[in-house]
Amino acid sequence: MADESPSVKQLLDFLETAICAEAQIYELETAQRNMKVIIEAIESRMSGRTKPLESYIPSASVGTDDTMRLEPYPEYHEGPLPSKNMYVHDDASGSSGCLGSVVGAILGFLSCYFIGLRDTMMHGFDVGYVLSITLRGAVIGFLALFLAKKLKHSNEVSSYEDALRKAQAEEAERKAAYDERIQELRDSDEALVDVIRSRMLSLDVLIAKCREPLRNLYENGPIYEDYQNLPALCQLRQYLRSGICSELTGPDGAYRTYEIDKGMNRINTNLVAICSRLESIQQSQEKLYETLSNVNDNLKSLNTGVEGCVRLVDSIGMQNELQTYYVKKAAEDANVLKRIEVYNRKWLNLPPGVFPWDAYR
């Protein structure tokens, strides 16, 4: 920390630079956290679970109670097989044979009666002959109807078995198509996860590029360690910018004013709580509200595109969405490093080429 008290202009310059870096890191870390939760959602879909993902910051607004759910893969439902009763009726061959015997016996008896009547008139009545003809008629009738019923039953069974084999073949084809579709979805989901994990590593690099220069900025800057966070930095900047305070320390300094406001609950310093109800700080913490609103807009744009790709299982679209976001944040990362460099050269009179973060360029 410098020995001489910095001017308000230098303090504001420092605070703006630090806020820019802190907001960049906060957004990148939040984006990473969302990506991790999205991976959990995809893996949940792959396993058939649909648990709510409480830690996800949705596209609607930062920190709402909404959760991200993905429907599991479609379930397979077997189609109906043909019913045997629709093709095969009860085998009544036994009763048909009995009926045939009765009918045959009657026909045989009637035949014998008329034949016997003729023979009686010619030769006299023969009881044995009548019984023989009647019995033969019964046997023939029995066999005729029994065999006819058996043939019909056999044809019905054959028709049923043909229909069953056809239905089973169609079901096997439908199941194979379903299995192929599910495997395609799994492969696509795995591709989505690979794309997201790869981009998370890229964001790690951006965070590291920004974090180390910010740490060096704090070490050479005027702000105490307790106030090296986004809510405090924004509020200190608001005090100095509005003229409420003209220095950091002292009875009327920004530090004391900040502690008084925090103790009286005039301001909220819990970033997680702030994000859950951002509109509540619009009047009391204008700079923090402006900063988080900008972060929220960036996350909303990213999340909307990412969510659409996840629901459509579009790995190519996901690659494009994350690449677009990465390019934007890489440019902003470079701007943060430039601002830190400009601050150090302007206020600390450091010559070019002596900055510890040059290795991160």
Protein backbone atom coordinates (compact mmCIF):
# COMPACT_ATOMS: atom_id res chain seq x y z
CA MET A 1 0.00 0.00 0.00
CA ALA A 2 1.29 3.47 -0.81
CA ASP A 3 2.46 5.69 2.05
CA GLU A 4 0.82 8.87 0.72
CA SER A 5 -2.93 9.15 0.85
CA PRO A 6 -4.30 8.68 -2.66
CA SER A 7 -6.47 11.32 -4.25
CA VAL A 8 -10.17 10.78 -4.85
CA LYS A 9 -9.42 10.52 -8.56
CA GLN A 10 -6.86 7.77 -7.96
CA LEU A 11 -9.20 5.96 -5.59
CA LEU A 12 -12.02 6.05 -8.12
CA ASP A 13 -9.67 4.86 -10.83
CA PHE A 14 -8.54 1.99 -8.61
CA LEU A 15 -12.08 1.06 -7.60
CA GLU A 16 -13.36 1.08 -11.18
CA THR A 17 -10.45 -1.14 -12.22
CA ALA A 18 -10.93 -3.57 -9.34
CA ILE A 19 -14.72 -3.69 -9.85
CA CYS A 20 -14.21 -4.50 -13.52
CA ALA A 21 -11.89 -7.40 -12.62
CA GLU A 22 -14.09 -8.70 -9.78
CA ALA A 23 -17.20 -8.61 -11.98
CA GLN A 24 -15.36 -10.51 -14.70
CA ILE A 25 -14.26 -13.23 -12.27
CA TYR A 26 -17.70 -13.43 -10.66
CA GLU A 27 -19.42 -13.85 -14.02
CA LEU A 28 -16.96 -16.48 -15.23
CA GLU A 29 -17.26 -18.45 -11.98
CA THR A 30 -21.05 -18.25 -12.14
CA ALA A 31 -21.03 -19.41 -15.74
CA GLN A 32 -18.80 -22.32 -14.73
CA ARG A 33 -21.11 -23.22 -11.87
CA ASN A 34 -24.07 -23.20 -14.22
CA MET A 35 -22.21 -25.38 -16.69
CA LYS A 36 -21.45 -27.87 -13.93
CA VAL A 37 -25.12 -28.00 -13.00
CA ILE A 38 -26.09 -28.41 -16.65
CA ILE A 39 -23.76 -31.40 -16.82
CA GLU A 40 -25.58 -32.82 -13.79
CA ALA A 41 -28.88 -32.24 -15.59
CA ILE A 42 -27.68 -34.08 -18.69
CA GLU A 43 -26.32 -36.97 -16.63
CA SER A 44 -29.63 -37.02 -14.77
CA ARG A 45 -31.46 -37.29 -18.07
CA MET A 46 -29.16 -40.10 -19.19
CA SER A 47 -29.88 -42.05 -16.01
CA GLY A 48 -33.64 -41.49 -16.22
CA ARG A 49 -33.82 -39.17 -13.20
CA THR A 50 -35.39 -35.70 -13.21
CA LYS A 51 -34.30 -34.29 -9.87
CA PRO A 52 -34.47 -30.48 -9.53
CA LEU A 53 -31.13 -28.72 -9.70
CA GLU A 54 -31.32 -26.16 -6.92
CA SER A 55 -27.91 -24.55 -7.53
CA TYR A 56 -28.65 -23.57 -11.13
CA ILE A 57 -28.93 -19.86 -11.85
CA PRO A 58 -31.56 -19.77 -14.59
CA SER A 59 -31.83 -17.49 -17.56
CA ALA A 60 -34.78 -15.49 -16.21
CA SER A 61 -32.86 -13.70 -13.44
CA VAL A 62 -29.84 -14.31 -11.29
CA GLY A 63 -30.59 -16.38 -8.22
CA THR A 64 -34.32 -17.02 -8.59
CA ASP A 65 -35.97 -20.08 -7.10
CA ASP A 66 -36.43 -21.66 -10.51
CA THR A 67 -34.71 -24.95 -11.18
CA MET A 68 -33.66 -26.65 -14.35
CA ARG A 69 -35.29 -29.96 -15.18
CA LEU A 70 -34.73 -32.13 -18.21
CA GLU A 71 -37.19 -34.81 -19.18
CA PRO A 72 -35.67 -38.31 -19.30
CA TYR A 73 -35.41 -40.26 -22.50
CA PRO A 74 -38.76 -41.56 -23.82
CA GLU A 75 -39.77 -44.90 -22.37
CA TYR A 76 -40.45 -47.92 -24.51
CA HIS A 77 -43.96 -49.35 -24.48
CA GLU A 78 -44.60 -52.72 -26.09
CA GLY A 79 -47.31 -52.85 -28.69
CA PRO A 80 -50.32 -55.21 -28.32
CA LEU A 81 -49.96 -58.75 -29.62
CA PRO A 82 -52.87 -60.50 -31.39
CA SER A 83 -55.23 -62.36 -29.07
CA LYS A 84 -55.59 -66.07 -29.62
CA ASN A 85 -59.31 -65.85 -28.93
CA MET A 86 -59.67 -63.58 -31.97
CA TYR A 87 -58.40 -66.35 -34.24
CA VAL A 88 -58.99 -69.70 -32.52
CA HIS A 89 -62.37 -70.74 -31.16
CA ASP A 90 -62.92 -73.47 -28.62
CA ASP A 91 -62.07 -76.94 -29.92
CA ALA A 92 -65.47 -78.60 -29.95
CA SER A 93 -64.40 -81.60 -32.09
CA GLY A 94 -65.64 -84.04 -29.45
CA SER A 95 -69.12 -82.58 -29.32
CA SER A 96 -69.06 -82.20 -33.09
CA GLY A 97 -68.23 -85.92 -33.40
CA CYS A 98 -71.11 -86.81 -31.13
CA LEU A 99 -73.40 -84.58 -33.11
CA GLY A 100 -72.13 -86.23 -36.29
CA SER A 101 -72.84 -89.67 -34.83
CA VAL A 102 -76.42 -88.71 -33.99
CA VAL A 103 -77.00 -87.13 -37.39
CA GLY A 104 -75.35 -90.09 -39.15
CA ALA A 105 -77.38 -92.57 -37.16
CA ILE A 106 -80.59 -90.76 -38.00
CA LEU A 107 -79.72 -90.58 -41.68
CA GLY A 108 -78.65 -94.23 -41.65
CA PHE A 109 -81.83 -95.27 -39.90
CA LEU A 110 -83.98 -93.29 -42.32
CA SER A 111 -82.09 -94.79 -45.23
CA CYS A 112 -82.55 -98.26 -43.81
CA TYR A 113 -86.18 -97.58 -43.08
CA PHE A 114 -86.95 -96.79 -46.67
CA ILE A 115 -84.62 -99.48 -47.96
CA GLY A 116 -85.99 -101.90 -45.34
CA LEU A 117 -89.52 -101.00 -46.28
CA ARG A 118 -88.79 -101.90 -49.86
CA ASP A 119 -86.98 -105.10 -48.88
CA THR A 120 -89.81 -106.07 -46.53
CA MET A 121 -92.24 -105.75 -49.30
CA MET A 122 -89.97 -107.87 -51.47
CA HIS A 123 -88.23 -110.27 -49.06
CA GLY A 124 -89.45 -109.54 -45.51
CA PHE A 125 -88.03 -107.16 -42.80
CA ASP A 126 -84.31 -107.66 -41.71
CA VAL A 127 -83.49 -106.08 -38.30
CA GLY A 128 -79.77 -106.82 -38.54
CA TYR A 129 -79.52 -105.09 -41.84
CA VAL A 130 -81.23 -101.95 -40.47
CA LEU A 131 -78.89 -101.81 -37.44
CA SER A 132 -75.85 -102.24 -39.65
CA ILE A 133 -76.78 -99.38 -41.94
CA THR A 134 -77.66 -97.16 -38.97
CA LEU A 135 -74.33 -97.86 -37.26
CA ARG A 136 -72.36 -97.17 -40.40
CA GLY A 137 -74.19 -93.91 -40.89
CA ALA A 138 -73.39 -92.88 -37.32
CA VAL A 139 -69.68 -93.69 -37.74
CA ILE A 140 -69.43 -91.89 -41.06
CA GLY A 141 -71.25 -88.84 -39.66
CA PHE A 142 -69.02 -88.80 -36.60
CA LEU A 143 -65.83 -88.97 -38.66
CA ALA A 144 -67.01 -86.41 -41.20
CA LEU A 145 -67.88 -83.68 -38.68
CA PHE A 146 -64.94 -84.50 -36.39
CA LEU A 147 -62.44 -84.19 -39.22
CA ALA A 148 -64.08 -81.05 -40.57
CA LYS A 149 -63.87 -79.41 -37.14
CA LYS A 150 -60.27 -80.49 -36.71
CA LEU A 151 -59.35 -79.00 -40.08
CA LYS A 152 -61.06 -75.72 -39.25
CA HIS A 153 -59.31 -75.58 -35.86
CA SER A 154 -55.94 -76.28 -37.50
CA ASN A 155 -56.50 -73.47 -40.00
CA GLU A 156 -57.44 -71.07 -37.18
CA VAL A 157 -54.29 -71.98 -35.19
CA SER A 158 -52.16 -71.51 -38.29
CA SER A 159 -53.70 -68.07 -38.94
CA TYR A 160 -53.08 -67.06 -35.32
CA GLU A 161 -49.45 -68.20 -35.39
CA ASP A 162 -48.84 -66.30 -38.63
CA ALA A 163 -50.36 -63.14 -37.14
CA LEU A 164 -48.33 -63.60 -33.95
CA ARG A 165 -45.05 -64.04 -35.81
CA LYS A 166 -45.77 -60.95 -37.90
CA ALA A 167 -46.60 -58.87 -34.82
CA GLN A 168 -43.49 -60.10 -33.00
CA ALA A 169 -41.31 -59.25 -35.99
CA GLU A 170 -42.79 -55.74 -36.16
CA GLU A 171 -42.30 -55.34 -32.40
CA ALA A 172 -38.66 -56.42 -32.70
CA GLU A 173 -38.09 -53.86 -35.46
CA ARG A 174 -39.75 -51.13 -33.40
CA LYS A 175 -37.67 -52.04 -30.34
CA ALA A 176 -34.47 -52.03 -32.41
CA ALA A 177 -35.36 -48.57 -33.77
CA TYR A 178 -36.06 -47.37 -30.22
CA ASP A 179 -32.74 -48.74 -28.92
CA GLU A 180 -30.93 -47.07 -31.81
CA ARG A 181 -32.62 -43.73 -31.05
CA ILE A 182 -31.77 -43.96 -27.35
CA GLN A 183 -28.14 -44.72 -28.19
CA GLU A 184 -28.08 -41.70 -30.49
CA LEU A 185 -29.44 -39.54 -27.65
CA ARG A 186 -26.85 -40.92 -25.24
CA ASP A 187 -24.04 -40.30 -27.70
CA SER A 188 -25.30 -36.75 -28.29
CA ASP A 189 -25.59 -36.09 -24.55
CA GLU A 190 -22.07 -37.38 -24.01
CA ALA A 191 -20.90 -35.04 -26.77
CA LEU A 192 -22.70 -32.16 -25.00
CA VAL A 193 -20.93 -32.99 -21.74
CA ASP A 194 -17.55 -33.14 -23.49
CA VAL A 195 -18.13 -29.74 -25.11
CA ILE A 196 -19.18 -28.14 -21.83
CA ARG A 197 -16.28 -29.60 -19.85
CA SER A 198 -13.84 -28.46 -22.48
CA ARG A 199 -15.20 -24.92 -22.34
CA MET A 200 -15.14 -24.93 -18.54
CA LEU A 201 -11.39 -25.54 -18.75
CA SER A 202 -11.10 -22.59 -21.12
CA LEU A 203 -12.94 -20.39 -18.63
CA ASP A 204 -10.51 -21.59 -15.95
CA VAL A 205 -7.72 -20.06 -18.01
CA LEU A 206 -9.57 -16.75 -18.30
CA ILE A 207 -10.20 -16.68 -14.54
CA ALA A 208 -6.54 -17.36 -13.79
CA LYS A 209 -5.46 -14.64 -16.23
CA CYS A 210 -7.63 -12.15 -14.39
CA ARG A 211 -7.16 -13.30 -10.79
CA GLU A 212 -3.38 -13.01 -10.52
CA PRO A 213 -3.16 -9.44 -11.87
CA LEU A 214 -6.03 -8.48 -9.56
CA ARG A 215 -4.15 -9.94 -6.59
CA ASN A 216 -1.12 -7.83 -7.51
CA LEU A 217 -3.35 -4.79 -7.94
CA TYR A 218 -4.69 -5.23 -4.40
CA GLU A 219 -1.18 -5.70 -2.98
CA ASN A 220 -0.09 -2.36 -4.45
CA GLY A 221 -3.41 -0.58 -3.98
CA PRO A 222 -5.02 1.51 -1.24
CA ILE A 223 -7.94 -0.75 -0.28
CA TYR A 224 -7.81 -2.85 2.90
CA GLU A 225 -8.20 -6.61 2.49
CA ASP A 226 -11.61 -6.66 4.24
CA TYR A 227 -13.04 -4.50 1.47
CA GLN A 228 -11.58 -6.39 -1.46
CA ASN A 229 -14.89 -7.82 -2.64
CA LEU A 230 -17.49 -6.72 -5.15
CA PRO A 231 -20.20 -5.36 -2.78
CA ALA A 232 -17.70 -3.35 -0.72
CA LEU A 233 -15.81 -2.01 -3.73
CA CYS A 234 -19.02 -0.83 -5.40
CA GLN A 235 -20.25 0.85 -2.25
CA LEU A 236 -16.94 2.63 -1.56
CA ARG A 237 -16.95 3.84 -5.13
CA GLN A 238 -20.52 5.14 -4.66
CA TYR A 239 -19.54 7.11 -1.53
CA LEU A 240 -16.57 8.73 -3.24
CA ARG A 241 -18.33 9.34 -6.53
CA SER A 242 -21.33 11.01 -4.92
CA GLY A 243 -19.20 13.19 -2.64
CA ILE A 244 -20.52 11.62 0.56
CA CYS A 245 -16.88 10.85 1.39
CA SER A 246 -13.60 12.29 0.14
CA GLU A 247 -11.24 9.75 1.69
CA LEU A 248 -11.16 6.17 2.85
CA THR A 249 -10.20 6.55 6.50
CA GLY A 250 -11.16 8.93 9.29
CA PRO A 251 -14.43 9.58 11.11
CA ASP A 252 -16.12 10.67 7.89
CA GLY A 253 -14.25 8.27 5.65
CA ALA A 254 -15.71 5.71 3.30
CA TYR A 255 -14.73 2.77 5.49
CA ARG A 256 -16.57 4.10 8.53
CA THR A 257 -19.60 5.11 6.47
CA TYR A 258 -19.68 1.64 4.94
CA GLU A 259 -19.56 -0.06 8.34
CA ILE A 260 -22.33 2.18 9.70
CA ASP A 261 -24.59 1.49 6.73
CA LYS A 262 -23.88 -2.23 6.96
CA GLY A 263 -24.53 -2.30 10.71
CA MET A 264 -27.86 -0.51 10.25
CA ASN A 265 -28.84 -2.84 7.39
CA ARG A 266 -29.00 0.03 4.95
CA ILE A 267 -26.93 -1.98 2.53
CA ASN A 268 -26.64 -5.69 1.81
CA THR A 269 -23.14 -7.15 1.60
CA ASN A 270 -24.10 -10.79 1.05
CA LEU A 271 -23.62 -11.37 -2.66
CA VAL A 272 -25.67 -14.56 -2.70
CA ALA A 273 -28.60 -12.86 -0.95
CA ILE A 274 -28.29 -9.82 -3.21
CA CYS A 275 -28.48 -11.94 -6.33
CA SER A 276 -31.70 -13.57 -5.14
CA ARG A 277 -33.46 -10.18 -5.01
CA LEU A 278 -31.45 -7.83 -7.14
CA GLU A 279 -34.15 -5.21 -7.52
CA SER A 280 -34.08 -4.52 -3.78
CA ILE A 281 -30.70 -2.74 -4.02
CA GLN A 282 -31.45 -0.62 -7.07
CA GLN A 283 -31.73 2.58 -5.02
CA SER A 284 -29.36 1.97 -2.12
CA GLN A 285 -26.50 0.27 -3.96
CA GLU A 286 -26.63 1.68 -7.45
CA LYS A 287 -23.16 0.69 -8.63
CA LEU A 288 -23.50 -2.89 -7.42
CA TYR A 289 -26.94 -3.10 -9.00
CA GLU A 290 -25.56 -1.82 -12.31
CA THR A 291 -22.63 -4.25 -12.20
CA LEU A 292 -24.71 -7.32 -11.34
CA SER A 293 -27.38 -6.38 -13.86
CA ASN A 294 -24.74 -6.37 -16.57
CA VAL A 295 -23.47 -9.74 -15.37
CA ASN A 296 -27.03 -11.04 -15.30
CA ASP A 297 -27.67 -9.94 -18.88
CA ASN A 298 -24.57 -11.79 -20.04
CA LEU A 299 -25.58 -14.93 -18.15
CA LYS A 300 -29.14 -14.71 -19.42
CA SER A 301 -27.95 -14.60 -23.01
CA LEU A 302 -25.60 -17.53 -22.43
CA ASN A 303 -28.10 -19.64 -20.48
CA THR A 304 -30.91 -19.18 -22.98
CA GLY A 305 -28.76 -20.50 -25.81
CA VAL A 306 -27.24 -23.29 -23.73
CA GLU A 307 -30.59 -24.48 -22.37
CA GLY A 308 -32.00 -24.67 -25.88
CA CYS A 309 -29.06 -26.77 -27.07
CA VAL A 310 -29.37 -29.09 -24.07
CA ARG A 311 -33.08 -29.67 -24.61
CA LEU A 312 -32.56 -30.28 -28.33
CA VAL A 313 -29.43 -32.38 -27.68
CA ASP A 314 -27.53 -30.16 -30.12
CA SER A 315 -23.79 -30.50 -29.47
CA ILE A 316 -22.83 -28.41 -32.52
CA GLY A 317 -25.12 -25.60 -31.40
CA MET A 318 -23.65 -25.90 -27.90
CA GLN A 319 -20.14 -25.59 -29.29
CA ASN A 320 -21.13 -22.43 -31.15
CA GLU A 321 -22.90 -20.91 -28.13
CA LEU A 322 -19.99 -21.50 -25.78
CA GLN A 323 -17.42 -20.42 -28.34
CA THR A 324 -19.26 -17.15 -28.86
CA TYR A 325 -19.36 -16.57 -25.10
CA TYR A 326 -15.69 -17.49 -24.71
CA VAL A 327 -14.57 -15.10 -27.44
CA LYS A 328 -16.55 -12.29 -25.82
CA LYS A 329 -15.17 -12.98 -22.35
CA ALA A 330 -11.61 -13.40 -23.66
CA ALA A 331 -11.86 -9.90 -25.14
CA GLU A 332 -13.19 -8.57 -21.84
CA ASP A 333 -10.39 -10.39 -20.02
CA ALA A 334 -7.86 -8.59 -22.19
CA ASN A 335 -9.59 -5.31 -21.41
CA VAL A 336 -9.35 -6.01 -17.66
CA LEU A 337 -5.61 -6.67 -17.95
CA LYS A 338 -5.21 -3.49 -19.95
CA ARG A 339 -7.04 -1.45 -17.33
CA ILE A 340 -4.88 -2.86 -14.56
CA GLU A 341 -1.76 -2.13 -16.59
CA VAL A 342 -2.88 1.42 -17.30
CA TYR A 343 -3.62 2.01 -13.62
CA ASN A 344 -0.22 0.77 -12.49
CA ARG A 345 1.67 2.82 -15.09
CA LYS A 346 -0.38 5.92 -14.39
CA TRP A 347 -0.40 5.88 -10.59
CA LEU A 348 2.59 3.72 -9.65
CA ASN A 349 4.90 4.90 -12.44
CA LEU A 350 5.88 1.34 -13.35
CA PRO A 351 7.70 1.15 -16.71
CA PRO A 352 6.52 -1.25 -19.41
CA GLY A 353 7.53 -4.88 -19.12
CA VAL A 354 7.77 -5.19 -15.32
CA PHE A 355 4.30 -6.43 -14.58
CA PRO A 356 4.06 -9.86 -12.92
CA TRP A 357 1.03 -10.77 -15.01
CA ASP A 358 2.83 -10.38 -18.35
CA ALA A 359 3.10 -14.18 -18.46
CA TYR A 360 -0.69 -14.40 -18.66
CA ARG A 361 -0.99 -12.46 -21.90
